[in-house]
Amino acid sequence: MKRAQLFLAVLAFATSLPQLAAQQPAKSASATRSAPGSCGPLVESMLRCPRFGFTYRTTVGWVDRTDDMQPEAESQDPESERAESDRPEAGASNPRGSQSETLLAVFERPPAAPGDTINSAVVIVAESLADYHGIKTASDYFGPISELAEQRGFKVENEPHAVSIGTRKLVRGDFSKDRGKVTMWQSSLVMIEKGYVVSFTFVGGSEGEVEELIGNLSFGMRAPAPQGPRK
């Protein structure tokens, strides 16, 4: 079975060393993703995705790296390929399935910027179910995620369990990892929709922060209320 790429992509960008960072300025969301029924682009801190029926309100001031984490963007960037093995999580990569797409990738600060705190992030990825063998339910997707998490020093805080956001049913798993004096918290929510595994991953410096990030996700027409920068 193909190894889950979402978890690797988040680790690669959220924990990158400064000297290994992308040196190019962040790209704006591509207008090609604004067709009716598609997802995005990010407009005024809001991502609307009629295709999968959700809305996500990002935190004001965060850095949008959605285009940088597209499979085609990485495959066409020789510098990205050369730096791949030097990242803290060696071998990490973006989803590479022929129909995979990063719907959103936003970070509290540029992924390469130095800092004493966890670089909080939200990454949403759609991966074609046809690229996976043996995955029938959202819970199945957590097999490779949990395996990769443990290999990289994360511990499972909560085993995959059913959750509801509005009327939508998803499966959630929670992980944590000590990074010196701080702890990195990660929660992933997964659903299967229209032949795709859609993964919502939230990274923060505390359980409370991750819950706030999840609170910006909604399903249906009603979007979550705007939130200012975290104090």
Protein backbone atom coordinates (compact mmCIF):
# COMPACT_ATOMS: atom_id res chain seq x y z
CA MET A 1 0.00 0.00 0.00
CA LYS A 2 1.23 3.47 -0.83
CA ARG A 3 2.57 5.32 2.22
CA ALA A 4 0.47 8.30 3.31
CA GLN A 5 2.13 11.49 2.10
CA LEU A 6 0.13 14.10 4.04
CA PHE A 7 1.86 13.48 7.36
CA LEU A 8 5.29 13.66 5.71
CA ALA A 9 4.47 16.89 3.92
CA VAL A 10 3.40 18.59 7.14
CA LEU A 11 6.52 17.49 9.00
CA ALA A 12 8.82 18.58 6.21
CA PHE A 13 7.44 22.11 6.12
CA ALA A 14 6.53 22.66 9.76
CA THR A 15 9.89 21.46 11.09
CA SER A 16 12.28 22.56 8.32
CA LEU A 17 15.66 23.94 9.34
CA PRO A 18 16.24 27.59 8.33
CA GLN A 19 19.13 26.83 5.94
CA LEU A 20 17.06 24.24 4.08
CA ALA A 21 14.07 26.45 3.49
CA ALA A 22 12.56 27.46 0.22
CA GLN A 23 14.41 30.61 -0.77
CA GLN A 24 11.79 31.80 -3.23
CA PRO A 25 9.04 34.20 -2.15
CA ALA A 26 5.70 32.63 -1.35
CA LYS A 27 3.38 32.31 -4.31
CA SER A 28 -0.18 33.52 -4.29
CA ALA A 29 -3.01 31.05 -4.66
CA SER A 30 -3.43 29.99 -8.25
CA ALA A 31 -6.39 31.38 -10.13
CA THR A 32 -6.72 28.05 -11.89
CA ARG A 33 -8.24 26.64 -8.71
CA SER A 34 -11.17 29.06 -8.78
CA ALA A 35 -13.37 27.21 -11.28
CA PRO A 36 -16.97 26.57 -10.16
CA GLY A 37 -17.16 23.51 -7.94
CA SER A 38 -13.43 23.47 -7.18
CA CYS A 39 -11.58 24.50 -4.01
CA GLY A 40 -10.16 27.95 -3.51
CA PRO A 41 -8.25 30.04 -4.09
CA LEU A 42 -7.80 31.58 -0.63
CA VAL A 43 -9.64 34.91 -0.61
CA GLU A 44 -9.56 37.27 2.38
CA SER A 45 -8.37 34.46 4.66
CA MET A 46 -11.24 32.21 3.53
CA LEU A 47 -11.04 28.95 1.58
CA ARG A 48 -14.33 27.77 0.15
CA CYS A 49 -14.48 24.27 -1.27
CA PRO A 50 -17.84 23.41 -2.86
CA ARG A 51 -16.20 20.33 -4.34
CA PHE A 52 -15.93 18.67 -0.93
CA GLY A 53 -18.49 20.78 0.91
CA PHE A 54 -16.32 22.61 3.45
CA THR A 55 -15.11 26.09 4.32
CA TYR A 56 -11.95 26.99 6.23
CA ARG A 57 -11.17 30.41 7.69
CA THR A 58 -7.42 30.88 8.12
CA THR A 59 -5.78 33.01 10.78
CA VAL A 60 -5.10 36.58 9.63
CA GLY A 61 -1.45 37.17 8.84
CA TRP A 62 -0.47 33.55 8.24
CA VAL A 63 1.68 32.58 5.25
CA ASP A 64 -0.01 30.85 2.32
CA ARG A 65 2.24 28.16 0.77
CA THR A 66 -0.47 26.19 -1.00
CA ASP A 67 1.07 26.44 -4.45
CA ASP A 68 4.53 25.52 -3.12
CA MET A 69 3.17 22.22 -1.82
CA GLN A 70 1.49 21.11 -5.04
CA PRO A 71 2.89 17.83 -6.43
CA GLU A 72 3.69 19.42 -9.79
CA ALA A 73 5.41 22.41 -8.14
CA GLU A 74 7.83 20.19 -6.27
CA SER A 75 8.51 17.84 -9.16
CA GLN A 76 9.48 20.79 -11.37
CA ASP A 77 11.79 22.40 -8.78
CA PRO A 78 15.32 20.92 -8.94
CA GLU A 79 16.37 22.77 -5.79
CA SER A 80 13.50 21.19 -3.88
CA GLU A 81 14.56 17.74 -5.01
CA ARG A 82 18.20 18.27 -4.02
CA ALA A 83 17.26 19.55 -0.58
CA GLU A 84 14.78 16.74 0.05
CA SER A 85 17.11 14.32 1.80
CA ASP A 86 18.59 17.07 3.98
CA ARG A 87 15.36 17.99 5.67
CA PRO A 88 14.90 16.94 9.33
CA GLU A 89 12.43 14.26 8.21
CA ALA A 90 14.46 12.64 5.42
CA GLY A 91 12.50 11.51 2.42
CA ALA A 92 9.48 13.66 3.18
CA SER A 93 7.55 14.72 0.11
CA ASN A 94 4.30 16.14 -1.11
CA PRO A 95 1.42 13.91 -2.28
CA ARG A 96 2.49 12.57 -5.67
CA GLY A 97 -0.56 10.66 -6.85
CA SER A 98 -1.63 11.62 -10.33
CA GLN A 99 -4.81 13.17 -8.96
CA SER A 100 -3.52 14.45 -5.62
CA GLU A 101 -3.87 18.12 -4.72
CA THR A 102 -2.93 20.33 -1.81
CA LEU A 103 -6.08 22.35 -1.17
CA LEU A 104 -4.58 24.55 1.54
CA ALA A 105 -1.22 24.95 3.26
CA VAL A 106 -0.86 27.90 5.62
CA PHE A 107 1.74 28.53 8.32
CA GLU A 108 2.06 30.94 11.22
CA ARG A 109 5.43 32.04 9.83
CA PRO A 110 7.42 31.07 6.72
CA PRO A 111 8.34 27.38 7.07
CA ALA A 112 12.04 28.25 7.00
CA ALA A 113 11.95 31.12 9.46
CA PRO A 114 13.79 30.47 12.75
CA GLY A 115 11.78 30.58 15.95
CA ASP A 116 11.62 29.25 19.50
CA THR A 117 8.02 28.10 19.14
CA ILE A 118 6.20 25.54 17.04
CA ASN A 119 5.41 26.84 13.57
CA SER A 120 1.68 26.23 13.64
CA ALA A 121 0.13 25.06 10.38
CA VAL A 122 -2.99 23.89 8.62
CA VAL A 123 -2.66 21.57 5.62
CA ILE A 124 -5.59 20.15 3.68
CA VAL A 125 -4.93 17.52 1.02
CA ALA A 126 -7.14 15.51 -1.35
CA GLU A 127 -5.64 12.23 -2.56
CA SER A 128 -7.27 9.93 -5.09
CA LEU A 129 -8.56 6.79 -3.44
CA ALA A 130 -7.41 4.93 -6.56
CA ASP A 131 -3.80 5.60 -5.50
CA TYR A 132 -4.30 3.46 -2.41
CA HIS A 133 -4.91 -0.25 -2.07
CA GLY A 134 -6.64 -1.61 1.00
CA ILE A 135 -8.12 1.69 2.20
CA LYS A 136 -11.89 1.48 2.31
CA THR A 137 -12.71 3.80 5.20
CA ALA A 138 -11.25 6.95 6.76
CA SER A 139 -10.06 4.87 9.71
CA ASP A 140 -7.92 2.73 7.38
CA TYR A 141 -5.92 5.83 6.39
CA PHE A 142 -4.62 6.16 9.94
CA GLY A 143 -2.66 2.93 9.62
CA PRO A 144 0.17 4.51 7.60
CA ILE A 145 -0.17 7.85 9.39
CA SER A 146 0.33 6.27 12.83
CA GLU A 147 3.23 4.17 11.60
CA LEU A 148 5.04 7.18 10.18
CA ALA A 149 4.29 9.25 13.26
CA GLU A 150 5.88 6.72 15.58
CA GLN A 151 8.91 6.37 13.30
CA ARG A 152 9.49 10.10 13.64
CA GLY A 153 9.23 10.28 17.40
CA PHE A 154 5.57 11.16 17.75
CA LYS A 155 3.40 9.39 20.25
CA VAL A 156 -0.27 8.69 19.80
CA GLU A 157 -2.36 10.80 22.16
CA ASN A 158 -5.72 9.57 20.92
CA GLU A 159 -6.38 6.61 18.68
CA PRO A 160 -8.53 7.25 15.59
CA HIS A 161 -12.09 7.94 16.63
CA ALA A 162 -15.27 9.29 15.06
CA VAL A 163 -16.03 13.01 15.37
CA SER A 164 -18.69 15.31 13.97
CA ILE A 165 -18.31 18.83 12.63
CA GLY A 166 -21.81 20.06 12.02
CA THR A 167 -23.54 17.22 10.23
CA ARG A 168 -20.30 15.83 8.76
CA LYS A 169 -18.77 12.65 10.17
CA LEU A 170 -14.96 12.36 10.13
CA VAL A 171 -12.27 10.26 11.82
CA ARG A 172 -9.71 12.01 14.03
CA GLY A 173 -6.33 11.00 15.40
CA ASP A 174 -4.05 13.05 17.72
CA PHE A 175 -0.26 12.98 18.11
CA SER A 176 2.44 14.85 20.03
CA LYS A 177 6.20 15.16 19.94
CA ASP A 178 8.63 16.80 22.36
CA ARG A 179 10.93 19.29 20.63
CA GLY A 180 13.30 20.54 23.29
CA LYS A 181 11.38 22.83 25.63
CA VAL A 182 8.24 22.82 23.51
CA THR A 183 5.78 20.17 22.38
CA MET A 184 4.43 19.82 18.87
CA TRP A 185 0.78 18.78 18.75
CA GLN A 186 -0.84 17.42 15.61
CA SER A 187 -4.38 16.36 14.88
CA SER A 188 -5.56 14.89 11.59
CA LEU A 189 -9.18 14.63 10.49
CA VAL A 190 -9.99 12.38 7.55
CA MET A 191 -13.01 11.75 5.38
CA ILE A 192 -13.63 9.92 2.11
CA GLU A 193 -15.60 11.95 -0.37
CA LYS A 194 -16.22 11.58 -4.12
CA GLY A 195 -13.45 9.04 -4.58
CA TYR A 196 -10.87 11.01 -2.60
CA VAL A 197 -9.25 10.75 0.80
CA VAL A 198 -9.52 14.30 2.16
CA SER A 199 -7.20 15.00 5.08
CA PHE A 200 -7.24 18.02 7.37
CA THR A 201 -4.07 18.32 9.47
CA PHE A 202 -3.56 20.89 12.21
CA VAL A 203 -0.22 21.58 13.92
CA GLY A 204 0.21 23.75 17.00
CA GLY A 205 2.15 24.34 20.17
CA SER A 206 -0.64 23.17 22.49
CA GLU A 207 -3.81 21.11 22.50
CA GLY A 208 -5.82 24.29 22.94
CA GLU A 209 -4.30 25.92 19.89
CA VAL A 210 -5.03 22.88 17.75
CA GLU A 211 -8.65 22.92 18.92
CA GLU A 212 -8.89 26.60 17.91
CA LEU A 213 -7.57 25.76 14.44
CA ILE A 214 -10.05 22.92 14.06
CA GLY A 215 -12.80 25.32 15.11
CA ASN A 216 -12.23 27.30 11.90
CA LEU A 217 -13.40 24.35 9.81
CA SER A 218 -17.06 24.12 8.85
CA PHE A 219 -19.23 22.11 6.50
CA GLY A 220 -22.17 23.48 4.57
CA MET A 221 -22.84 27.09 3.72
CA ARG A 222 -22.14 28.71 7.07
CA ALA A 223 -18.53 29.81 7.60
CA PRO A 224 -16.90 30.14 11.03
CA ALA A 225 -16.64 33.60 12.57
CA PRO A 226 -13.42 35.52 11.85
CA GLN A 227 -10.60 35.26 14.39
CA GLY A 228 -7.73 37.70 14.89
CA PRO A 229 -4.06 36.81 15.24
CA ARG A 230 -3.27 34.54 18.18
CA LYS A 231 -1.87 36.50 21.15
